[in-house]
Amino acid sequence: MNAPRQEVLNIFQNNAESFNTQLQQLCDLLQRTLNHYTWVGFYFANADTRTLHLGPYCGAPTDHTSIPFGKGICGQVAESNTPFLVPDVSAQDNYIACSLTVKSELVVPLFVRGKNIGQIDIDSEQIDAFGQADIEFLEWVNAQIAQAWPEDYIPEEIHG
């Protein structure tokens, strides 16, 4: 996997853009440069309501703008705090279908100051599209996000 690490760093060094815009630029970059990343997006956790809310994303629109903790791959990651790789979504019991073309999914939790505040969700139209290199890269991406996360930033998607 030829990961665009320098481009990721460049996004977060551009302080002229809002943090939400930087996250959108990241989604666009990952989908554009990693051919097996068909859909790239963020879900942010609202711990009070135990729901995830769709944040910036790139790819086909989805009806899944709010997901309860425990439901689907994203909801399971909200509870487990660990990455979840699904090589073939048709074989997964607790899967929420966003599109009939999605064949595999990878969700990696995003920790900011030690707290799971959400996740990056990647879909692919290929079966078994993701591997350990993708998990490690996305954990690195999330570490860059956490480091750049503004102290007072609350994703607009979870404002009460």
N, C-alpha and C. Protein backbone atom coordinates (compact mmCIF):
# COMPACT_ATOMS: atom_id res chain seq x y z
N MET A 1 0.85 -1.19 0.00
CA MET A 1 0.00 0.00 0.00
C MET A 1 0.89 1.24 0.00
N ASN A 2 0.66 2.12 -0.95
CA ASN A 2 1.43 3.36 -1.05
C ASN A 2 0.65 4.47 -0.34
N ALA A 3 0.86 4.57 0.95
CA ALA A 3 0.09 5.51 1.78
C ALA A 3 0.59 6.94 1.61
N PRO A 4 -0.33 7.88 1.48
CA PRO A 4 0.03 9.30 1.28
C PRO A 4 0.32 10.03 2.59
N ARG A 5 1.32 9.57 3.34
CA ARG A 5 1.60 10.13 4.67
C ARG A 5 1.95 11.61 4.64
N GLN A 6 2.81 12.02 3.72
CA GLN A 6 3.20 13.43 3.70
C GLN A 6 2.01 14.33 3.38
N GLU A 7 1.14 13.88 2.50
CA GLU A 7 -0.04 14.67 2.16
C GLU A 7 -0.97 14.80 3.36
N VAL A 8 -1.07 13.75 4.17
CA VAL A 8 -1.87 13.82 5.39
C VAL A 8 -1.29 14.88 6.33
N LEU A 9 0.03 14.84 6.52
CA LEU A 9 0.68 15.83 7.39
C LEU A 9 0.45 17.24 6.87
N ASN A 10 0.52 17.42 5.55
CA ASN A 10 0.33 18.75 4.96
C ASN A 10 -1.06 19.31 5.26
N ILE A 11 -2.07 18.46 5.25
CA ILE A 11 -3.43 18.92 5.54
C ILE A 11 -3.50 19.56 6.92
N PHE A 12 -2.90 18.91 7.91
CA PHE A 12 -3.02 19.40 9.28
C PHE A 12 -2.02 20.50 9.62
N GLN A 13 -1.09 20.78 8.71
CA GLN A 13 -0.19 21.91 8.90
C GLN A 13 -0.79 23.20 8.35
N ASN A 14 -1.89 23.09 7.62
CA ASN A 14 -2.56 24.25 7.04
C ASN A 14 -3.57 24.80 8.04
N ASN A 15 -3.11 25.69 8.90
CA ASN A 15 -3.98 26.24 9.95
C ASN A 15 -4.98 27.26 9.44
N ALA A 16 -4.89 27.62 8.15
CA ALA A 16 -5.82 28.60 7.60
C ALA A 16 -7.22 27.99 7.42
N GLU A 17 -7.29 26.68 7.32
CA GLU A 17 -8.57 26.00 7.12
C GLU A 17 -9.18 25.62 8.46
N SER A 18 -10.52 25.55 8.50
CA SER A 18 -11.18 25.07 9.71
C SER A 18 -10.85 23.59 9.88
N PHE A 19 -10.97 23.10 11.11
CA PHE A 19 -10.66 21.69 11.36
C PHE A 19 -11.63 20.79 10.61
N ASN A 20 -12.89 21.18 10.52
CA ASN A 20 -13.87 20.39 9.77
C ASN A 20 -13.46 20.30 8.30
N THR A 21 -12.97 21.41 7.75
CA THR A 21 -12.50 21.42 6.37
C THR A 21 -11.30 20.51 6.20
N GLN A 22 -10.40 20.52 7.19
CA GLN A 22 -9.23 19.64 7.13
C GLN A 22 -9.66 18.17 7.12
N LEU A 23 -10.65 17.83 7.94
CA LEU A 23 -11.14 16.45 7.95
C LEU A 23 -11.76 16.08 6.61
N GLN A 24 -12.48 17.01 6.00
CA GLN A 24 -13.06 16.76 4.67
C GLN A 24 -11.95 16.58 3.64
N GLN A 25 -10.92 17.41 3.71
CA GLN A 25 -9.79 17.28 2.79
C GLN A 25 -9.11 15.92 2.95
N LEU A 26 -9.03 15.45 4.19
CA LEU A 26 -8.44 14.14 4.45
C LEU A 26 -9.27 13.03 3.80
N CYS A 27 -10.58 13.08 3.96
CA CYS A 27 -11.46 12.09 3.32
C CYS A 27 -11.24 12.09 1.81
N ASP A 28 -11.22 13.28 1.22
CA ASP A 28 -11.04 13.40 -0.23
C ASP A 28 -9.69 12.81 -0.65
N LEU A 29 -8.64 13.12 0.10
CA LEU A 29 -7.30 12.63 -0.21
C LEU A 29 -7.25 11.11 -0.18
N LEU A 30 -7.77 10.51 0.89
CA LEU A 30 -7.69 9.06 1.03
C LEU A 30 -8.47 8.35 -0.07
N GLN A 31 -9.66 8.86 -0.39
CA GLN A 31 -10.44 8.22 -1.44
C GLN A 31 -9.77 8.38 -2.80
N ARG A 32 -9.17 9.53 -3.04
CA ARG A 32 -8.54 9.82 -4.32
C ARG A 32 -7.24 9.03 -4.53
N THR A 33 -6.46 8.85 -3.47
CA THR A 33 -5.13 8.25 -3.63
C THR A 33 -5.06 6.76 -3.33
N LEU A 34 -6.03 6.23 -2.61
CA LEU A 34 -6.03 4.79 -2.31
C LEU A 34 -7.22 4.16 -3.03
N ASN A 35 -6.93 3.52 -4.14
CA ASN A 35 -7.98 3.06 -5.06
C ASN A 35 -9.00 2.13 -4.44
N HIS A 36 -8.60 1.38 -3.43
CA HIS A 36 -9.55 0.44 -2.82
C HIS A 36 -10.40 1.11 -1.73
N TYR A 37 -10.20 2.41 -1.48
CA TYR A 37 -11.02 3.16 -0.52
C TYR A 37 -12.15 3.83 -1.30
N THR A 38 -13.30 3.17 -1.37
CA THR A 38 -14.44 3.67 -2.14
C THR A 38 -15.20 4.76 -1.40
N TRP A 39 -15.34 4.59 -0.09
CA TRP A 39 -16.06 5.54 0.77
C TRP A 39 -15.21 5.76 2.00
N VAL A 40 -14.98 7.03 2.34
CA VAL A 40 -14.15 7.39 3.50
C VAL A 40 -14.92 8.42 4.30
N GLY A 41 -15.12 8.16 5.58
CA GLY A 41 -15.84 9.13 6.39
C GLY A 41 -15.59 8.97 7.87
N PHE A 42 -16.08 9.95 8.60
CA PHE A 42 -15.97 9.96 10.05
C PHE A 42 -17.34 9.88 10.68
N TYR A 43 -17.41 9.15 11.77
CA TYR A 43 -18.57 9.17 12.65
C TYR A 43 -18.07 9.64 14.00
N PHE A 44 -18.79 10.59 14.61
CA PHE A 44 -18.41 11.13 15.91
C PHE A 44 -19.42 10.69 16.96
N ALA A 45 -18.90 10.36 18.14
CA ALA A 45 -19.71 9.80 19.21
C ALA A 45 -20.34 10.89 20.07
N ASN A 46 -21.60 10.69 20.40
CA ASN A 46 -22.27 11.47 21.43
C ASN A 46 -22.50 10.49 22.58
N ALA A 47 -21.65 10.59 23.60
CA ALA A 47 -21.69 9.63 24.71
C ALA A 47 -23.00 9.72 25.48
N ASP A 48 -23.60 10.91 25.55
CA ASP A 48 -24.85 11.08 26.29
C ASP A 48 -26.00 10.29 25.67
N THR A 49 -26.09 10.32 24.34
CA THR A 49 -27.18 9.62 23.65
C THR A 49 -26.75 8.24 23.15
N ARG A 50 -25.46 7.91 23.32
CA ARG A 50 -24.89 6.65 22.85
C ARG A 50 -25.19 6.43 21.37
N THR A 51 -24.90 7.49 20.59
CA THR A 51 -25.08 7.42 19.15
C THR A 51 -23.85 7.99 18.46
N LEU A 52 -23.65 7.52 17.25
CA LEU A 52 -22.61 8.06 16.36
C LEU A 52 -23.30 8.93 15.33
N HIS A 53 -22.63 10.02 14.96
CA HIS A 53 -23.20 10.96 13.98
C HIS A 53 -22.22 11.17 12.85
N LEU A 54 -22.73 11.08 11.63
CA LEU A 54 -21.91 11.21 10.44
C LEU A 54 -21.27 12.59 10.38
N GLY A 55 -19.97 12.59 10.16
CA GLY A 55 -19.21 13.82 9.98
C GLY A 55 -18.78 13.95 8.52
N PRO A 56 -17.65 14.59 8.28
CA PRO A 56 -17.16 14.72 6.91
C PRO A 56 -16.97 13.34 6.27
N TYR A 57 -17.28 13.26 4.99
CA TYR A 57 -17.08 12.00 4.26
C TYR A 57 -16.92 12.29 2.78
N CYS A 58 -16.44 11.28 2.07
CA CYS A 58 -16.28 11.35 0.62
C CYS A 58 -16.75 10.02 0.05
N GLY A 59 -17.64 10.08 -0.89
CA GLY A 59 -18.21 8.88 -1.49
C GLY A 59 -19.70 9.05 -1.66
N ALA A 60 -20.37 7.98 -1.96
CA ALA A 60 -21.81 8.02 -2.17
C ALA A 60 -22.53 8.47 -0.90
N PRO A 61 -23.59 9.27 -1.05
CA PRO A 61 -24.36 9.67 0.13
C PRO A 61 -24.92 8.45 0.86
N THR A 62 -25.09 8.60 2.17
CA THR A 62 -25.62 7.51 2.98
C THR A 62 -26.80 8.00 3.81
N ASP A 63 -27.75 7.11 4.03
CA ASP A 63 -28.88 7.41 4.91
C ASP A 63 -28.50 7.24 6.37
N HIS A 64 -27.36 6.60 6.62
CA HIS A 64 -26.95 6.29 7.99
C HIS A 64 -26.19 7.47 8.60
N THR A 65 -26.95 8.49 8.98
CA THR A 65 -26.35 9.68 9.57
C THR A 65 -26.27 9.59 11.08
N SER A 66 -27.00 8.65 11.67
CA SER A 66 -26.98 8.42 13.11
C SER A 66 -27.04 6.91 13.35
N ILE A 67 -26.08 6.40 14.13
CA ILE A 67 -25.99 4.96 14.39
C ILE A 67 -25.89 4.73 15.89
N PRO A 68 -26.76 3.91 16.47
CA PRO A 68 -26.66 3.61 17.90
C PRO A 68 -25.40 2.80 18.20
N PHE A 69 -24.80 3.05 19.36
CA PHE A 69 -23.68 2.23 19.81
C PHE A 69 -24.12 0.77 19.76
N GLY A 70 -23.25 -0.10 19.30
CA GLY A 70 -23.52 -1.53 19.26
C GLY A 70 -24.12 -2.01 17.95
N LYS A 71 -24.66 -1.09 17.13
CA LYS A 71 -25.33 -1.49 15.88
C LYS A 71 -24.36 -1.32 14.71
N GLY A 72 -24.26 -2.34 13.89
CA GLY A 72 -23.38 -2.28 12.74
C GLY A 72 -21.91 -2.31 13.15
N ILE A 73 -21.05 -2.23 12.17
CA ILE A 73 -19.61 -2.27 12.43
C ILE A 73 -19.19 -1.03 13.21
N CYS A 74 -19.66 0.14 12.79
CA CYS A 74 -19.31 1.38 13.49
C CYS A 74 -19.78 1.36 14.94
N GLY A 75 -21.01 0.94 15.16
CA GLY A 75 -21.54 0.90 16.52
C GLY A 75 -20.79 -0.07 17.41
N GLN A 76 -20.31 -1.17 16.82
CA GLN A 76 -19.52 -2.13 17.59
C GLN A 76 -18.16 -1.55 17.98
N VAL A 77 -17.55 -0.79 17.08
CA VAL A 77 -16.26 -0.16 17.38
C VAL A 77 -16.42 0.90 18.46
N ALA A 78 -17.57 1.57 18.48
CA ALA A 78 -17.83 2.57 19.54
C ALA A 78 -17.79 1.91 20.91
N GLU A 79 -18.16 0.65 20.99
CA GLU A 79 -18.17 -0.07 22.27
C GLU A 79 -16.87 -0.82 22.55
N SER A 80 -16.25 -1.37 21.51
CA SER A 80 -15.07 -2.21 21.72
C SER A 80 -13.77 -1.42 21.83
N ASN A 81 -13.75 -0.21 21.24
CA ASN A 81 -12.54 0.63 21.20
C ASN A 81 -11.40 -0.02 20.42
N THR A 82 -11.71 -0.94 19.53
CA THR A 82 -10.68 -1.60 18.73
C THR A 82 -11.09 -1.59 17.25
N PRO A 83 -10.10 -1.62 16.35
CA PRO A 83 -10.41 -1.67 14.92
C PRO A 83 -11.22 -2.92 14.58
N PHE A 84 -12.04 -2.80 13.56
CA PHE A 84 -12.87 -3.92 13.11
C PHE A 84 -12.74 -4.00 11.59
N LEU A 85 -12.15 -5.09 11.11
CA LEU A 85 -11.97 -5.32 9.68
C LEU A 85 -12.94 -6.41 9.26
N VAL A 86 -13.74 -6.10 8.25
CA VAL A 86 -14.72 -7.07 7.73
C VAL A 86 -14.35 -7.36 6.28
N PRO A 87 -13.74 -8.53 6.02
CA PRO A 87 -13.31 -8.86 4.66
C PRO A 87 -14.47 -9.02 3.67
N ASP A 88 -15.62 -9.52 4.18
CA ASP A 88 -16.78 -9.75 3.32
C ASP A 88 -18.04 -9.39 4.12
N VAL A 89 -18.62 -8.23 3.82
CA VAL A 89 -19.75 -7.76 4.62
C VAL A 89 -20.96 -8.68 4.52
N SER A 90 -21.07 -9.45 3.45
CA SER A 90 -22.22 -10.35 3.31
C SER A 90 -22.18 -11.49 4.33
N ALA A 91 -21.02 -11.73 4.92
CA ALA A 91 -20.88 -12.80 5.91
C ALA A 91 -20.98 -12.27 7.35
N GLN A 92 -21.22 -10.97 7.50
CA GLN A 92 -21.25 -10.34 8.82
C GLN A 92 -22.70 -10.18 9.30
N ASP A 93 -23.00 -10.70 10.48
CA ASP A 93 -24.37 -10.63 11.02
C ASP A 93 -24.80 -9.21 11.36
N ASN A 94 -23.99 -8.50 12.12
CA ASN A 94 -24.37 -7.17 12.61
C ASN A 94 -23.79 -6.10 11.67
N TYR A 95 -24.28 -6.06 10.45
CA TYR A 95 -23.79 -5.14 9.43
C TYR A 95 -24.94 -4.28 8.93
N ILE A 96 -24.70 -2.98 8.82
CA ILE A 96 -25.68 -2.06 8.25
C ILE A 96 -25.25 -1.76 6.82
N ALA A 97 -26.03 -2.17 5.85
CA ALA A 97 -25.68 -1.97 4.45
C ALA A 97 -25.91 -0.52 4.05
N CYS A 98 -24.84 0.15 3.65
CA CYS A 98 -24.95 1.52 3.15
C CYS A 98 -25.19 1.51 1.64
N SER A 99 -24.66 0.50 0.98
CA SER A 99 -24.77 0.39 -0.46
C SER A 99 -24.61 -1.08 -0.85
N LEU A 100 -25.31 -1.49 -1.86
CA LEU A 100 -25.19 -2.88 -2.33
C LEU A 100 -23.83 -3.15 -2.95
N THR A 101 -23.11 -2.09 -3.32
CA THR A 101 -21.80 -2.29 -3.95
C THR A 101 -20.68 -2.48 -2.94
N VAL A 102 -20.92 -2.19 -1.67
CA VAL A 102 -19.88 -2.35 -0.64
C VAL A 102 -19.67 -3.83 -0.38
N LYS A 103 -18.40 -4.24 -0.43
CA LYS A 103 -18.05 -5.64 -0.21
C LYS A 103 -17.23 -5.85 1.06
N SER A 104 -16.44 -4.85 1.47
CA SER A 104 -15.65 -4.97 2.70
C SER A 104 -15.59 -3.61 3.39
N GLU A 105 -15.29 -3.66 4.70
CA GLU A 105 -15.31 -2.44 5.51
C GLU A 105 -14.22 -2.52 6.57
N LEU A 106 -13.66 -1.37 6.88
CA LEU A 106 -12.67 -1.25 7.96
C LEU A 106 -13.02 -0.01 8.77
N VAL A 107 -13.16 -0.18 10.08
CA VAL A 107 -13.46 0.93 10.98
C VAL A 107 -12.38 0.97 12.05
N VAL A 108 -11.79 2.15 12.25
CA VAL A 108 -10.71 2.33 13.22
C VAL A 108 -11.11 3.45 14.17
N PRO A 109 -11.10 3.18 15.49
CA PRO A 109 -11.50 4.21 16.45
C PRO A 109 -10.54 5.38 16.48
N LEU A 110 -11.10 6.55 16.79
CA LEU A 110 -10.33 7.79 16.91
C LEU A 110 -10.33 8.21 18.37
N PHE A 111 -9.14 8.22 18.95
CA PHE A 111 -8.98 8.61 20.35
C PHE A 111 -8.37 10.01 20.42
N VAL A 112 -9.01 10.89 21.17
CA VAL A 112 -8.48 12.23 21.41
C VAL A 112 -8.36 12.39 22.92
N ARG A 113 -7.15 12.67 23.36
CA ARG A 113 -6.85 12.80 24.79
C ARG A 113 -7.36 11.58 25.58
N GLY A 114 -7.13 10.39 24.99
CA GLY A 114 -7.46 9.14 25.65
C GLY A 114 -8.91 8.71 25.58
N LYS A 115 -9.75 9.48 24.91
CA LYS A 115 -11.18 9.16 24.85
C LYS A 115 -11.56 8.81 23.41
N ASN A 116 -12.35 7.74 23.25
CA ASN A 116 -12.85 7.35 21.94
C ASN A 116 -13.95 8.33 21.55
N ILE A 117 -13.63 9.25 20.64
CA ILE A 117 -14.59 10.29 20.26
C ILE A 117 -15.26 10.00 18.92
N GLY A 118 -14.85 8.91 18.30
CA GLY A 118 -15.42 8.59 17.00
C GLY A 118 -14.56 7.59 16.26
N GLN A 119 -14.65 7.64 14.94
CA GLN A 119 -13.94 6.65 14.13
C GLN A 119 -13.86 7.09 12.69
N ILE A 120 -12.88 6.50 12.01
CA ILE A 120 -12.81 6.63 10.57
C ILE A 120 -13.35 5.32 10.00
N ASP A 121 -14.22 5.45 9.01
CA ASP A 121 -14.91 4.31 8.41
C ASP A 121 -14.55 4.26 6.94
N ILE A 122 -14.05 3.12 6.49
CA ILE A 122 -13.64 2.95 5.10
C ILE A 122 -14.42 1.78 4.50
N ASP A 123 -15.03 2.01 3.34
CA ASP A 123 -15.71 0.95 2.61
C ASP A 123 -14.97 0.70 1.30
N SER A 124 -15.09 -0.52 0.80
CA SER A 124 -14.51 -0.86 -0.49
C SER A 124 -15.50 -1.70 -1.28
N GLU A 125 -15.43 -1.58 -2.59
CA GLU A 125 -16.26 -2.40 -3.47
C GLU A 125 -15.57 -3.72 -3.82
N GLN A 126 -14.44 -3.99 -3.16
CA GLN A 126 -13.70 -5.24 -3.35
C GLN A 126 -13.83 -6.11 -2.10
N ILE A 127 -14.01 -7.39 -2.28
CA ILE A 127 -13.97 -8.32 -1.14
C ILE A 127 -12.53 -8.41 -0.67
N ASP A 128 -12.35 -8.46 0.64
CA ASP A 128 -11.03 -8.61 1.26
C ASP A 128 -10.06 -7.51 0.81
N ALA A 129 -10.55 -6.28 0.78
CA ALA A 129 -9.75 -5.17 0.27
C ALA A 129 -8.71 -4.67 1.27
N PHE A 130 -8.92 -4.92 2.55
CA PHE A 130 -8.08 -4.31 3.58
C PHE A 130 -7.23 -5.35 4.30
N GLY A 131 -6.11 -4.87 4.82
CA GLY A 131 -5.22 -5.74 5.58
C GLY A 131 -4.60 -5.00 6.75
N GLN A 132 -3.61 -5.61 7.35
CA GLN A 132 -2.94 -5.03 8.51
C GLN A 132 -2.31 -3.68 8.16
N ALA A 133 -1.78 -3.55 6.95
CA ALA A 133 -1.17 -2.27 6.54
C ALA A 133 -2.19 -1.14 6.57
N ASP A 134 -3.43 -1.43 6.17
CA ASP A 134 -4.49 -0.41 6.22
C ASP A 134 -4.81 -0.04 7.66
N ILE A 135 -4.90 -1.03 8.54
CA ILE A 135 -5.18 -0.75 9.95
C ILE A 135 -4.09 0.14 10.53
N GLU A 136 -2.83 -0.23 10.30
CA GLU A 136 -1.71 0.55 10.83
C GLU A 136 -1.68 1.96 10.26
N PHE A 137 -1.95 2.09 8.96
CA PHE A 137 -1.97 3.42 8.35
C PHE A 137 -3.09 4.27 8.94
N LEU A 138 -4.28 3.71 9.08
CA LEU A 138 -5.40 4.50 9.62
C LEU A 138 -5.21 4.82 11.10
N GLU A 139 -4.56 3.95 11.85
CA GLU A 139 -4.22 4.29 13.24
C GLU A 139 -3.24 5.46 13.26
N TRP A 140 -2.30 5.47 12.32
CA TRP A 140 -1.36 6.59 12.21
C TRP A 140 -2.12 7.87 11.82
N VAL A 141 -3.03 7.76 10.84
CA VAL A 141 -3.85 8.92 10.43
C VAL A 141 -4.60 9.47 11.64
N ASN A 142 -5.24 8.58 12.40
CA ASN A 142 -6.00 9.02 13.57
C ASN A 142 -5.10 9.66 14.62
N ALA A 143 -3.87 9.19 14.74
CA ALA A 143 -2.93 9.82 15.68
C ALA A 143 -2.60 11.24 15.23
N GLN A 144 -2.51 11.46 13.92
CA GLN A 144 -2.25 12.81 13.40
C GLN A 144 -3.45 13.71 13.67
N ILE A 145 -4.65 13.17 13.49
CA ILE A 145 -5.87 13.92 13.77
C ILE A 145 -5.91 14.30 15.24
N ALA A 146 -5.64 13.35 16.12
CA ALA A 146 -5.69 13.60 17.56
C ALA A 146 -4.68 14.67 17.97
N GLN A 147 -3.51 14.62 17.35
CA GLN A 147 -2.48 15.61 17.67
C GLN A 147 -2.89 17.01 17.22
N ALA A 148 -3.58 17.09 16.09
CA ALA A 148 -3.99 18.39 15.54
C ALA A 148 -5.31 18.88 16.11
N TRP A 149 -6.04 18.03 16.82
CA TRP A 149 -7.39 18.33 17.31
C TRP A 149 -7.37 19.59 18.18
N PRO A 150 -8.09 20.64 17.78
CA PRO A 150 -8.14 21.85 18.60
C PRO A 150 -8.79 21.58 19.96
N GLU A 151 -8.25 22.20 20.98
CA GLU A 151 -8.72 22.00 22.36
C GLU A 151 -10.23 22.23 22.48
N ASP A 152 -10.74 23.23 21.77
CA ASP A 152 -12.15 23.61 21.92
C ASP A 152 -13.05 23.08 20.80
N TYR A 153 -12.52 22.18 19.96
CA TYR A 153 -13.30 21.70 18.82
C TYR A 153 -14.29 20.62 19.24
N ILE A 154 -15.55 20.85 18.93
CA ILE A 154 -16.60 19.85 19.09
C ILE A 154 -17.23 19.69 17.70
N PRO A 155 -17.21 18.49 17.15
CA PRO A 155 -17.78 18.32 15.81
C PRO A 155 -19.21 18.84 15.75
N GLU A 156 -19.51 19.60 14.71
CA GLU A 156 -20.84 20.21 14.58
C GLU A 156 -21.94 19.16 14.54
N GLU A 157 -21.60 17.94 14.13
CA GLU A 157 -22.59 16.88 14.02
C GLU A 157 -23.14 16.43 15.37
N ILE A 158 -22.42 16.68 16.47
CA ILE A 158 -22.90 16.21 17.78
C ILE A 158 -23.33 17.33 18.70
N HIS A 159 -23.38 18.55 18.20
CA HIS A 159 -23.91 19.64 19.03
C HIS A 159 -25.35 19.33 19.40
N GLY A 160 -25.67 19.54 20.65
CA GLY A 160 -27.03 19.27 21.13
C GLY A 160 -28.01 20.19 20.55
